[in-house]
Amino acid sequence: MAKYSIINRNVNVRDLFSSLKEDRELAVVRDKVRGCDGKRWVVMFLIISKILLLGGCWAIKIGYWDNWKDYTVRAGRHSSNMPRMVIQDNFIQFVVEVDSSWYYTVPAERNGISKIVGIAFGDHHKNSARLGFICIENTLWLCGYCYVNGISPQENTDFKKRIMKVTHGLQIQGRIHYNKKTRLYNFFIDDVPVWSCEAGNGRGVKTVLTPYIGGTYTLPHDAKFKIMMVK
C-alpha cells in the first residue's frame, strides 16, 4: 500500500482519488462497500480513513525541497516504506549521492535494476520513469527504467537503458521530464540529455517515487540513499 503526502495545494483532488482507486488495498476497501446503494460518500469516507490510518496524506511537507533526505532499505527488504510525495509538475529535479552500499553480488539471472528516484503518473506500474542502478562485476551503472501504458521494461527492453558508470561518493544532479507533446520521458544528468524513452498518456496524480531494491532480489545488507529534491 503506497503512502501519500501532498506537497502542492493545487493538486486536483478528483485525479488523486482516481489514482488511489488503482491501489490494491484501497480497491479492497471499495469492494466492501459496493452494496451501499450508491452512497459514494461512504466509499470516500472509508478511503480517506484508510489513507490517514496508514500515515499518509493532506500534509504539506516542510523542508522537503532543497534539503538532503536519507532513506534506508533494510537488509532483506525492497523498500524503506517512506510516503510518496504528490506533485503538480511534469518533471522532477534532484541530486543523489552514490553510496558504497549499492555494491552487491547476485546471480546474473536475478540482476534487475534497483530504483533510486522517479516520477509516476497514477499507478507506477502503468506510467512512470525512474533513475535506477545496477551492479555488474563490481561496477555501478546508472540506469533509466520506465513503464509505458502498463508495459514493463521486462516486456519491452527499449524501456530501460544503462546510462553511465558511477563510483561511490559521486554526487549526481539529475532531471526526469515528461514531454506531453512528444510523449517522451527525457533524462538529464548535469543538464546534459542522456536518454529519451517513449512515454504513456501522462494522466493521473503525479508522485515522486522513492528507493526500491530489486528486481526480485533483496540485499544482505542495508542500502542507503541520500537524495535532495530541487525546485
C-alpha atoms as a PDB file:
ATOM      1  CA  MET A   1       0.000   0.000   0.000  1.00  0.00           C
ATOM      2  CA  ALA A   2       1.526   3.310  -1.029  1.00  0.00           C
ATOM      3  CA  LYS A   3       1.552   6.220   1.371  1.00  0.00           C
ATOM      4  CA  TYR A   4       0.861   9.714   0.081  1.00  0.00           C
ATOM      5  CA  SER A   5       1.751  13.223   1.242  1.00  0.00           C
ATOM      6  CA  ILE A   6       0.651  16.315  -0.654  1.00  0.00           C
ATOM      7  CA  ILE A   7       3.310  18.942  -1.226  1.00  0.00           C
ATOM      8  CA  ASN A   8       1.302  21.136  -3.567  1.00  0.00           C
ATOM      9  CA  ARG A   9      -2.096  22.591  -2.641  1.00  0.00           C
ATOM     10  CA  ASN A  10      -3.151  22.784  -6.292  1.00  0.00           C
ATOM     11  CA  VAL A  11      -3.355  19.037  -6.811  1.00  0.00           C
ATOM     12  CA  ASN A  12      -6.652  18.031  -8.417  1.00  0.00           C
ATOM     13  CA  VAL A  13      -8.477  16.034  -5.746  1.00  0.00           C
ATOM     14  CA  ARG A  14     -10.557  14.166  -8.341  1.00  0.00           C
ATOM     15  CA  ASP A  15      -7.346  12.990 -10.015  1.00  0.00           C
ATOM     16  CA  LEU A  16      -5.945  11.997  -6.635  1.00  0.00           C
ATOM     17  CA  PHE A  17      -8.858   9.718  -5.842  1.00  0.00           C
ATOM     18  CA  SER A  18      -8.819   8.338  -9.368  1.00  0.00           C
ATOM     19  CA  SER A  19      -5.201   7.362  -8.844  1.00  0.00           C
ATOM     20  CA  LEU A  20      -5.821   5.965  -5.396  1.00  0.00           C
ATOM     21  CA  LYS A  21      -8.543   3.711  -6.766  1.00  0.00           C
ATOM     22  CA  GLU A  22      -5.783   1.810  -8.548  1.00  0.00           C
ATOM     23  CA  ASP A  23      -4.193   0.910  -5.216  1.00  0.00           C
ATOM     24  CA  ARG A  24      -4.936  -2.705  -4.387  1.00  0.00           C
ATOM     25  CA  GLU A  25      -5.632  -2.204  -0.675  1.00  0.00           C
ATOM     26  CA  LEU A  26      -7.968   0.675  -1.358  1.00  0.00           C
ATOM     27  CA  ALA A  27      -9.687  -1.428  -4.001  1.00  0.00           C
ATOM     28  CA  VAL A  28     -10.433  -3.994  -1.294  1.00  0.00           C
ATOM     29  CA  VAL A  29     -11.995  -1.282   0.858  1.00  0.00           C
ATOM     30  CA  ARG A  30     -14.015  -0.039  -2.098  1.00  0.00           C
ATOM     31  CA  ASP A  31     -15.264  -3.534  -2.922  1.00  0.00           C
ATOM     32  CA  LYS A  32     -16.548  -3.983   0.611  1.00  0.00           C
ATOM     33  CA  VAL A  33     -18.937  -1.067   0.270  1.00  0.00           C
ATOM     34  CA  ARG A  34     -20.229  -1.604  -3.268  1.00  0.00           C
ATOM     35  CA  GLY A  35     -23.525  -2.750  -1.800  1.00  0.00           C
ATOM     36  CA  CYS A  36     -24.206   0.646  -0.257  1.00  0.00           C
ATOM     37  CA  ASP A  37     -26.774   1.641  -2.947  1.00  0.00           C
ATOM     38  CA  GLY A  38     -24.696   4.390  -4.486  1.00  0.00           C
ATOM     39  CA  LYS A  39     -23.722   6.121  -1.250  1.00  0.00           C
ATOM     40  CA  ARG A  40     -20.470   7.367  -2.641  1.00  0.00           C
ATOM     41  CA  TRP A  41     -19.750   9.425   0.454  1.00  0.00           C
ATOM     42  CA  VAL A  42     -19.391   6.170   2.390  1.00  0.00           C
ATOM     43  CA  VAL A  43     -16.759   4.977  -0.061  1.00  0.00           C
ATOM     44  CA  MET A  44     -14.909   8.286   0.100  1.00  0.00           C
ATOM     45  CA  PHE A  45     -15.008   8.311   3.905  1.00  0.00           C
ATOM     46  CA  LEU A  46     -13.540   4.798   4.094  1.00  0.00           C
ATOM     47  CA  ILE A  47     -10.847   5.604   1.548  1.00  0.00           C
ATOM     48  CA  ILE A  48      -9.814   8.761   3.418  1.00  0.00           C
ATOM     49  CA  SER A  49      -9.816   6.858   6.701  1.00  0.00           C
ATOM     50  CA  LYS A  50      -7.634   4.150   5.177  1.00  0.00           C
ATOM     51  CA  ILE A  51      -5.107   6.688   3.921  1.00  0.00           C
ATOM     52  CA  LEU A  52      -4.929   8.543   7.222  1.00  0.00           C
ATOM     53  CA  LEU A  53      -4.551   5.352   9.225  1.00  0.00           C
ATOM     54  CA  LEU A  54      -1.612   4.362   7.063  1.00  0.00           C
ATOM     55  CA  GLY A  55       0.208   7.550   7.866  1.00  0.00           C
ATOM     56  CA  GLY A  56      -0.222   9.240   4.596  1.00  0.00           C
ATOM     57  CA  CYS A  57      -1.627  12.485   3.479  1.00  0.00           C
ATOM     58  CA  TRP A  58      -3.013  16.023   3.396  1.00  0.00           C
ATOM     59  CA  ALA A  59       0.112  17.498   4.974  1.00  0.00           C
ATOM     60  CA  ILE A  60       2.469  19.981   3.372  1.00  0.00           C
ATOM     61  CA  LYS A  61       5.971  18.514   3.634  1.00  0.00           C
ATOM     62  CA  ILE A  62       8.022  21.255   5.293  1.00  0.00           C
ATOM     63  CA  GLY A  63      11.668  21.154   4.297  1.00  0.00           C
ATOM     64  CA  TYR A  64      11.115  18.578   1.576  1.00  0.00           C
ATOM     65  CA  TRP A  65      12.684  20.682  -1.160  1.00  0.00           C
ATOM     66  CA  ASP A  66      16.355  21.648  -1.270  1.00  0.00           C
ATOM     67  CA  ASN A  67      17.295  19.514   1.733  1.00  0.00           C
ATOM     68  CA  TRP A  68      19.024  16.162   1.878  1.00  0.00           C
ATOM     69  CA  LYS A  69      16.735  13.257   2.686  1.00  0.00           C
ATOM     70  CA  ASP A  70      18.147   9.948   3.879  1.00  0.00           C
ATOM     71  CA  TYR A  71      16.466   6.648   3.011  1.00  0.00           C
ATOM     72  CA  THR A  72      17.451   3.212   4.263  1.00  0.00           C
ATOM     73  CA  VAL A  73      16.226  -0.031   2.747  1.00  0.00           C
ATOM     74  CA  ARG A  74      16.912  -2.657   5.380  1.00  0.00           C
ATOM     75  CA  ALA A  75      18.620  -5.945   4.573  1.00  0.00           C
ATOM     76  CA  GLY A  76      16.177  -8.425   3.104  1.00  0.00           C
ATOM     77  CA  ARG A  77      13.620  -5.763   2.201  1.00  0.00           C
ATOM     78  CA  HIS A  78      12.699  -3.977  -1.027  1.00  0.00           C
ATOM     79  CA  SER A  79      11.536  -0.563   0.230  1.00  0.00           C
ATOM     80  CA  SER A  80      12.050   1.961   3.001  1.00  0.00           C
ATOM     81  CA  ASN A  81       8.237   2.422   3.202  1.00  0.00           C
ATOM     82  CA  MET A  82       8.591   6.194   3.055  1.00  0.00           C
ATOM     83  CA  PRO A  83       5.496   8.035   1.732  1.00  0.00           C
ATOM     84  CA  ARG A  84       5.183   9.178  -1.848  1.00  0.00           C
ATOM     85  CA  MET A  85       5.022  12.919  -2.386  1.00  0.00           C
ATOM     86  CA  VAL A  86       2.285  14.296  -4.628  1.00  0.00           C
ATOM     87  CA  ILE A  87       3.460  16.999  -7.038  1.00  0.00           C
ATOM     88  CA  GLN A  88       1.953  19.052  -9.851  1.00  0.00           C
ATOM     89  CA  ASP A  89       4.855  19.406 -12.294  1.00  0.00           C
ATOM     90  CA  ASN A  90       5.609  17.022 -15.159  1.00  0.00           C
ATOM     91  CA  PHE A  91       9.227  16.738 -14.042  1.00  0.00           C
ATOM     92  CA  ILE A  92      11.452  16.169 -11.042  1.00  0.00           C
ATOM     93  CA  GLN A  93      14.910  17.596 -10.374  1.00  0.00           C
ATOM     94  CA  PHE A  94      17.202  16.058  -7.815  1.00  0.00           C
ATOM     95  CA  VAL A  95      20.707  15.433  -6.535  1.00  0.00           C
ATOM     96  CA  VAL A  96      21.682  11.914  -5.474  1.00  0.00           C
ATOM     97  CA  GLU A  97      24.853  10.702  -3.824  1.00  0.00           C
ATOM     98  CA  VAL A  98      26.147   7.308  -4.896  1.00  0.00           C
ATOM     99  CA  ASP A  99      26.613   5.118  -1.819  1.00  0.00           C
ATOM    100  CA  SER A 100      29.027   2.242  -1.252  1.00  0.00           C
ATOM    101  CA  SER A 101      26.088   0.102  -0.078  1.00  0.00           C
ATOM    102  CA  TRP A 102      24.870  -0.043  -3.682  1.00  0.00           C
ATOM    103  CA  TYR A 103      27.531  -2.641  -4.478  1.00  0.00           C
ATOM    104  CA  TYR A 104      26.302  -6.225  -4.357  1.00  0.00           C
ATOM    105  CA  THR A 105      26.705  -9.670  -5.893  1.00  0.00           C
ATOM    106  CA  VAL A 106      23.698 -11.675  -7.107  1.00  0.00           C
ATOM    107  CA  PRO A 107      23.229 -14.391  -9.730  1.00  0.00           C
ATOM    108  CA  ALA A 108      23.125 -12.844 -13.190  1.00  0.00           C
ATOM    109  CA  GLU A 109      19.622 -14.127 -13.937  1.00  0.00           C
ATOM    110  CA  ARG A 110      18.260 -12.157 -10.979  1.00  0.00           C
ATOM    111  CA  ASN A 111      20.235  -8.990 -11.576  1.00  0.00           C
ATOM    112  CA  GLY A 112      17.453  -6.468 -12.126  1.00  0.00           C
ATOM    113  CA  ILE A 113      17.620  -2.689 -11.836  1.00  0.00           C
ATOM    114  CA  SER A 114      17.144  -1.165  -8.385  1.00  0.00           C
ATOM    115  CA  LYS A 115      15.419   2.218  -8.262  1.00  0.00           C
ATOM    116  CA  ILE A 116      16.676   5.470  -6.766  1.00  0.00           C
ATOM    117  CA  VAL A 117      14.083   8.139  -7.556  1.00  0.00           C
ATOM    118  CA  GLY A 118      11.392   8.727 -10.157  1.00  0.00           C
ATOM    119  CA  ILE A 119       8.067  10.219 -11.165  1.00  0.00           C
ATOM    120  CA  ALA A 120       4.804   8.312 -11.599  1.00  0.00           C
ATOM    121  CA  PHE A 121       1.563   9.254 -13.305  1.00  0.00           C
ATOM    122  CA  GLY A 122      -1.085   7.361 -11.370  1.00  0.00           C
ATOM    123  CA  ASP A 123      -0.114   3.707 -10.882  1.00  0.00           C
ATOM    124  CA  HIS A 124       3.674   3.490 -11.210  1.00  0.00           C
ATOM    125  CA  HIS A 125       3.317   0.064 -12.839  1.00  0.00           C
ATOM    126  CA  LYS A 126       1.379   1.741 -15.660  1.00  0.00           C
ATOM    127  CA  ASN A 127       3.225   5.002 -16.327  1.00  0.00           C
ATOM    128  CA  SER A 128       6.433   6.054 -14.610  1.00  0.00           C
ATOM    129  CA  ALA A 129      10.057   6.975 -15.211  1.00  0.00           C
ATOM    130  CA  ARG A 130      12.803   6.247 -12.721  1.00  0.00           C
ATOM    131  CA  LEU A 131      16.528   6.596 -12.331  1.00  0.00           C
ATOM    132  CA  GLY A 132      17.988   3.344 -11.083  1.00  0.00           C
ATOM    133  CA  PHE A 133      21.235   1.482 -10.692  1.00  0.00           C
ATOM    134  CA  ILE A 134      22.658  -1.955 -11.315  1.00  0.00           C
ATOM    135  CA  CYS A 135      25.887  -3.544 -10.105  1.00  0.00           C
ATOM    136  CA  ILE A 136      27.694  -5.750 -12.618  1.00  0.00           C
ATOM    137  CA  GLU A 137      31.091  -7.258 -11.807  1.00  0.00           C
ATOM    138  CA  ASN A 138      31.637  -4.686  -9.053  1.00  0.00           C
ATOM    139  CA  THR A 139      30.799  -1.795 -11.400  1.00  0.00           C
ATOM    140  CA  LEU A 140      27.866   0.528 -10.740  1.00  0.00           C
ATOM    141  CA  TRP A 141      25.744   1.726 -13.635  1.00  0.00           C
ATOM    142  CA  LEU A 142      23.073   4.415 -13.535  1.00  0.00           C
ATOM    143  CA  CYS A 143      20.033   3.277 -15.488  1.00  0.00           C
ATOM    144  CA  GLY A 144      16.775   4.603 -16.860  1.00  0.00           C
ATOM    145  CA  TYR A 145      13.685   2.486 -16.173  1.00  0.00           C
ATOM    146  CA  CYS A 146      10.178   3.226 -17.482  1.00  0.00           C
ATOM    147  CA  TYR A 147       6.692   1.779 -17.516  1.00  0.00           C
ATOM    148  CA  VAL A 148       4.656   2.837 -20.554  1.00  0.00           C
ATOM    149  CA  ASN A 149       0.893   2.305 -20.581  1.00  0.00           C
ATOM    150  CA  GLY A 150       1.260  -0.783 -18.423  1.00  0.00           C
ATOM    151  CA  ILE A 151       4.134  -2.305 -20.403  1.00  0.00           C
ATOM    152  CA  SER A 152       7.183  -3.050 -18.259  1.00  0.00           C
ATOM    153  CA  PRO A 153      10.874  -2.858 -19.210  1.00  0.00           C
ATOM    154  CA  GLN A 154      10.928  -6.648 -18.981  1.00  0.00           C
ATOM    155  CA  GLU A 155       8.309  -6.816 -21.723  1.00  0.00           C
ATOM    156  CA  ASN A 156       9.955  -4.140 -23.863  1.00  0.00           C
ATOM    157  CA  THR A 157      13.681  -3.676 -23.309  1.00  0.00           C
ATOM    158  CA  ASP A 158      13.555  -0.277 -25.066  1.00  0.00           C
ATOM    159  CA  PHE A 159      12.067   0.983 -21.800  1.00  0.00           C
ATOM    160  CA  LYS A 160      15.309   0.535 -19.850  1.00  0.00           C
ATOM    161  CA  LYS A 161      18.880   1.629 -20.505  1.00  0.00           C
ATOM    162  CA  ARG A 162      22.296   1.715 -18.879  1.00  0.00           C
ATOM    163  CA  ILE A 163      23.219   5.394 -18.894  1.00  0.00           C
ATOM    164  CA  MET A 164      26.652   5.771 -17.310  1.00  0.00           C
ATOM    165  CA  LYS A 165      29.166   4.233 -14.930  1.00  0.00           C
ATOM    166  CA  VAL A 166      29.464   5.810 -11.474  1.00  0.00           C
ATOM    167  CA  THR A 167      31.515   5.350  -8.307  1.00  0.00           C
ATOM    168  CA  HIS A 168      30.521   5.739  -4.669  1.00  0.00           C
ATOM    169  CA  GLY A 169      30.814   9.237  -3.222  1.00  0.00           C
ATOM    170  CA  LEU A 170      29.867  10.862  -6.537  1.00  0.00           C
ATOM    171  CA  GLN A 171      27.025  13.408  -6.401  1.00  0.00           C
ATOM    172  CA  ILE A 172      24.815  13.460  -9.466  1.00  0.00           C
ATOM    173  CA  GLN A 173      22.407  16.201 -10.459  1.00  0.00           C
ATOM    174  CA  GLY A 174      19.538  14.809 -12.493  1.00  0.00           C
ATOM    175  CA  ARG A 175      16.200  15.621 -14.027  1.00  0.00           C
ATOM    176  CA  ILE A 176      13.416  13.466 -15.443  1.00  0.00           C
ATOM    177  CA  HIS A 177      10.912  15.315 -17.592  1.00  0.00           C
ATOM    178  CA  TYR A 178       7.680  14.167 -19.223  1.00  0.00           C
ATOM    179  CA  ASN A 179       7.082  15.984 -22.505  1.00  0.00           C
ATOM    180  CA  LYS A 180       3.355  15.934 -23.196  1.00  0.00           C
ATOM    181  CA  LYS A 181       3.717  16.993 -26.837  1.00  0.00           C
ATOM    182  CA  THR A 182       6.322  14.441 -27.858  1.00  0.00           C
ATOM    183  CA  ARG A 183       5.151  11.740 -25.413  1.00  0.00           C
ATOM    184  CA  LEU A 184       8.705  11.192 -24.227  1.00  0.00           C
ATOM    185  CA  TYR A 185      10.415  10.798 -20.857  1.00  0.00           C
ATOM    186  CA  ASN A 186      13.646  12.795 -21.085  1.00  0.00           C
ATOM    187  CA  PHE A 187      16.511  12.046 -18.708  1.00  0.00           C
ATOM    188  CA  PHE A 188      19.220  14.622 -17.952  1.00  0.00           C
ATOM    189  CA  ILE A 189      22.446  14.326 -15.945  1.00  0.00           C
ATOM    190  CA  ASP A 190      24.136  17.627 -15.094  1.00  0.00           C
ATOM    191  CA  ASP A 191      21.781  19.323 -17.605  1.00  0.00           C
ATOM    192  CA  VAL A 192      23.006  17.057 -20.398  1.00  0.00           C
ATOM    193  CA  PRO A 193      20.378  14.879 -22.128  1.00  0.00           C
ATOM    194  CA  VAL A 194      21.377  11.239 -21.695  1.00  0.00           C
ATOM    195  CA  TRP A 195      18.303   9.246 -22.721  1.00  0.00           C
ATOM    196  CA  SER A 196      14.766   9.615 -24.050  1.00  0.00           C
ATOM    197  CA  CYS A 197      12.129   6.929 -23.715  1.00  0.00           C
ATOM    198  CA  GLU A 198       8.650   6.568 -25.143  1.00  0.00           C
ATOM    199  CA  ALA A 199       6.044   7.695 -22.584  1.00  0.00           C
ATOM    200  CA  GLY A 200       2.403   6.979 -21.852  1.00  0.00           C
ATOM    201  CA  ASN A 201      -0.566   9.303 -21.572  1.00  0.00           C
ATOM    202  CA  GLY A 202       0.695  11.224 -18.514  1.00  0.00           C
ATOM    203  CA  ARG A 203      -2.661  11.039 -16.740  1.00  0.00           C
ATOM    204  CA  GLY A 204      -3.242  10.557 -13.044  1.00  0.00           C
ATOM    205  CA  VAL A 205      -1.789  12.051  -9.917  1.00  0.00           C
ATOM    206  CA  LYS A 206       1.934  12.743 -10.197  1.00  0.00           C
ATOM    207  CA  THR A 207       4.037  11.349  -7.364  1.00  0.00           C
ATOM    208  CA  VAL A 208       7.722  11.188  -6.511  1.00  0.00           C
ATOM    209  CA  LEU A 209       8.880   7.572  -6.264  1.00  0.00           C
ATOM    210  CA  THR A 210      11.307   6.586  -3.506  1.00  0.00           C
ATOM    211  CA  PRO A 211      14.129   3.993  -3.485  1.00  0.00           C
ATOM    212  CA  TYR A 212      13.385   0.326  -4.183  1.00  0.00           C
ATOM    213  CA  ILE A 213      15.760  -2.656  -4.209  1.00  0.00           C
ATOM    214  CA  GLY A 214      15.094  -5.182  -6.978  1.00  0.00           C
ATOM    215  CA  GLY A 215      14.177  -6.730  -9.341  1.00  0.00           C
ATOM    216  CA  THR A 216      13.200  -9.841  -7.495  1.00  0.00           C
ATOM    217  CA  TYR A 217      16.211  -9.860  -5.207  1.00  0.00           C
ATOM    218  CA  THR A 218      16.955  -8.157  -1.905  1.00  0.00           C
ATOM    219  CA  LEU A 219      20.344  -7.345  -0.401  1.00  0.00           C
ATOM    220  CA  PRO A 220      22.011  -8.988   2.612  1.00  0.00           C
ATOM    221  CA  HIS A 221      22.938  -5.538   3.928  1.00  0.00           C
ATOM    222  CA  ASP A 222      21.212  -2.172   4.401  1.00  0.00           C
ATOM    223  CA  ALA A 223      21.126   0.011   1.279  1.00  0.00           C
ATOM    224  CA  LYS A 224      21.429   3.732   1.933  1.00  0.00           C
ATOM    225  CA  PHE A 225      20.235   6.585  -0.248  1.00  0.00           C
ATOM    226  CA  LYS A 226      20.892  10.315   0.060  1.00  0.00           C
ATOM    227  CA  ILE A 227      18.563  12.367  -2.159  1.00  0.00           C
ATOM    228  CA  MET A 228      17.814  16.057  -2.463  1.00  0.00           C
ATOM    229  CA  MET A 229      14.756  17.164  -4.439  1.00  0.00           C
ATOM    230  CA  VAL A 230      15.442  20.519  -6.101  1.00  0.00           C
ATOM    231  CA  LYS A 231      12.860  23.143  -7.080  1.00  0.00           C
END
